[in-house]
Amino acid sequence: MNRIVKGLRKTKERLINPLRKIFTSSLLDENVVEEIEELLLSADMGVEATERVIERIRERMRTPGDPVQGYLELVADELRKVIDEVPAYQPPAGNPRVIVLVGVNGVGKTSTIGKLAYRFREEGRKVLVAAGDT
């Protein structure tokens, strides 16, 4: 549980607080929207999710006199929709099963690989772990 709280604190520091600052101290223009886009991409939101959020922000910017305060909720709502649309995991058919994990440093790839390997071994499967660093 402590790791979850720590991870959420990092998200708040790297994403939520900067977004809150942008939405409370800036008039929205195209430069600010580009700043928001960079922030979302640097937080590993993914290109598709980021584009979706930015599109919604641009749509809302077209409404004259729209208060900036509601934009943080707009971002949160759109990201919730993206998460809700993620399909349930379907294990691939056939053997051998190959799982590739990719991500930036420090996000828990190695820990997750160890947990998956342990789980598969407990299920009676044979496991081979290989590094593919550059």
Protein backbone atom coordinates (compact mmCIF):
# COMPACT_ATOMS: atom_id res chain seq x y z
CA MET A 1 0.00 0.00 0.00
CA ASN A 2 2.88 2.32 0.80
CA ARG A 3 4.21 1.92 -2.77
CA ILE A 4 0.84 2.91 -4.19
CA VAL A 5 0.72 6.05 -2.04
CA LYS A 6 4.31 6.87 -3.04
CA GLY A 7 3.48 6.38 -6.74
CA LEU A 8 0.40 8.56 -6.50
CA ARG A 9 2.46 11.24 -4.76
CA LYS A 10 4.89 11.19 -7.71
CA THR A 11 1.98 11.52 -10.14
CA LYS A 12 0.64 14.46 -8.18
CA GLU A 13 4.05 16.17 -8.13
CA ARG A 14 4.87 15.55 -11.80
CA LEU A 15 1.45 15.91 -13.41
CA ILE A 16 -1.40 17.19 -11.25
CA ASN A 17 0.41 20.06 -9.52
CA PRO A 18 1.86 21.46 -12.79
CA LEU A 19 -1.54 21.14 -14.49
CA ARG A 20 -3.24 22.86 -11.57
CA LYS A 21 -0.67 25.66 -11.77
CA ILE A 22 -1.23 26.07 -15.52
CA PHE A 23 -5.01 26.13 -15.17
CA THR A 24 -5.01 28.64 -12.30
CA SER A 25 -2.35 31.05 -13.50
CA SER A 26 -2.65 31.11 -17.28
CA LEU A 27 -4.96 32.29 -19.95
CA LEU A 28 -5.29 29.41 -22.34
CA ASP A 29 -3.73 29.95 -25.72
CA GLU A 30 -2.02 27.64 -28.17
CA ASN A 31 1.36 27.95 -26.39
CA VAL A 32 -0.20 26.84 -23.10
CA VAL A 33 -1.96 23.95 -24.85
CA GLU A 34 1.40 22.82 -26.25
CA GLU A 35 2.85 23.02 -22.73
CA ILE A 36 0.01 20.82 -21.45
CA GLU A 37 0.63 18.37 -24.29
CA GLU A 38 4.33 18.12 -23.39
CA LEU A 39 3.44 17.61 -19.74
CA LEU A 40 1.03 14.75 -20.52
CA LEU A 41 3.50 13.07 -22.86
CA SER A 42 6.34 13.38 -20.34
CA ALA A 43 4.05 11.73 -17.76
CA ASP A 44 3.75 8.69 -20.09
CA MET A 45 0.07 9.25 -20.83
CA GLY A 46 0.61 7.95 -24.35
CA VAL A 47 0.17 9.70 -27.66
CA GLU A 48 -3.44 8.65 -28.26
CA ALA A 49 -4.66 9.61 -24.78
CA THR A 50 -2.75 12.90 -24.91
CA GLU A 51 -4.16 13.78 -28.32
CA ARG A 52 -7.65 13.04 -27.05
CA VAL A 53 -7.25 15.30 -24.01
CA ILE A 54 -5.71 18.10 -26.08
CA GLU A 55 -8.54 17.87 -28.61
CA ARG A 56 -11.12 18.25 -25.81
CA ILE A 57 -9.21 21.24 -24.40
CA ARG A 58 -9.15 22.90 -27.83
CA GLU A 59 -12.89 22.23 -28.28
CA ARG A 60 -13.63 23.83 -24.94
CA MET A 61 -11.35 26.80 -25.67
CA ARG A 62 -13.70 27.71 -28.53
CA THR A 63 -16.42 28.56 -25.99
CA PRO A 64 -16.05 32.28 -25.22
CA GLY A 65 -15.80 33.18 -21.55
CA ASP A 66 -15.42 29.57 -20.41
CA PRO A 67 -13.75 29.56 -16.96
CA VAL A 68 -10.29 27.98 -16.87
CA GLN A 69 -10.97 26.33 -13.48
CA GLY A 70 -12.95 23.47 -15.02
CA TYR A 71 -10.14 22.33 -17.28
CA LEU A 72 -8.42 20.14 -14.66
CA GLU A 73 -11.68 18.21 -14.24
CA LEU A 74 -11.94 17.97 -18.03
CA VAL A 75 -8.47 16.36 -18.18
CA ALA A 76 -9.32 13.97 -15.33
CA ASP A 77 -12.65 12.99 -16.91
CA GLU A 78 -11.07 12.33 -20.29
CA LEU A 79 -8.28 10.21 -18.77
CA ARG A 80 -10.90 8.20 -16.83
CA LYS A 81 -12.71 7.53 -20.11
CA VAL A 82 -9.47 6.32 -21.69
CA ILE A 83 -8.84 3.95 -18.77
CA ASP A 84 -12.43 2.66 -18.87
CA GLU A 85 -12.02 1.78 -22.57
CA VAL A 86 -9.00 -0.48 -22.01
CA PRO A 87 -10.13 -3.99 -22.94
CA ALA A 88 -9.78 -6.85 -20.48
CA TYR A 89 -6.56 -8.84 -20.82
CA GLN A 90 -6.83 -11.85 -23.10
CA PRO A 91 -3.83 -14.19 -22.89
CA PRO A 92 -2.42 -15.03 -26.31
CA ALA A 93 -2.99 -18.50 -27.67
CA GLY A 94 -0.15 -20.89 -28.49
CA ASN A 95 3.33 -21.50 -27.24
CA PRO A 96 5.85 -20.20 -26.61
CA ARG A 97 4.23 -17.19 -25.03
CA VAL A 98 6.41 -14.09 -25.26
CA ILE A 99 5.85 -11.10 -23.02
CA VAL A 100 7.82 -7.93 -23.70
CA LEU A 101 7.94 -5.15 -21.12
CA VAL A 102 9.09 -1.72 -22.19
CA GLY A 103 9.27 1.47 -20.16
CA VAL A 104 11.42 4.25 -18.81
CA ASN A 105 13.86 3.75 -15.94
CA GLY A 106 12.41 3.25 -12.49
CA VAL A 107 8.83 2.30 -13.36
CA GLY A 108 9.01 -1.27 -12.03
CA LYS A 109 9.68 -3.37 -15.12
CA THR A 110 12.18 -5.68 -13.41
CA SER A 111 9.97 -6.15 -10.36
CA THR A 112 7.00 -6.94 -12.57
CA ILE A 113 9.05 -9.44 -14.61
CA GLY A 114 10.06 -11.21 -11.40
CA LYS A 115 6.46 -11.37 -10.21
CA LEU A 116 5.23 -12.70 -13.55
CA ALA A 117 7.99 -15.31 -13.70
CA TYR A 118 7.17 -16.46 -10.17
CA ARG A 119 3.46 -16.66 -10.94
CA PHE A 120 4.00 -18.66 -14.12
CA ARG A 121 6.38 -21.05 -12.32
CA GLU A 122 3.76 -21.56 -9.60
CA GLU A 123 1.29 -22.45 -12.36
CA GLY A 124 3.70 -25.16 -13.53
CA ARG A 125 4.96 -23.36 -16.62
CA LYS A 126 8.54 -23.16 -17.78
CA VAL A 127 9.93 -19.64 -17.67
CA LEU A 128 12.88 -18.05 -19.45
CA VAL A 129 13.78 -14.43 -18.73
CA ALA A 130 16.05 -12.59 -21.16
CA ALA A 131 17.36 -9.03 -21.07
CA GLY A 132 17.08 -6.94 -24.20
CA ASP A 133 18.85 -3.74 -23.19
CA THR A 134 20.41 -1.57 -25.84
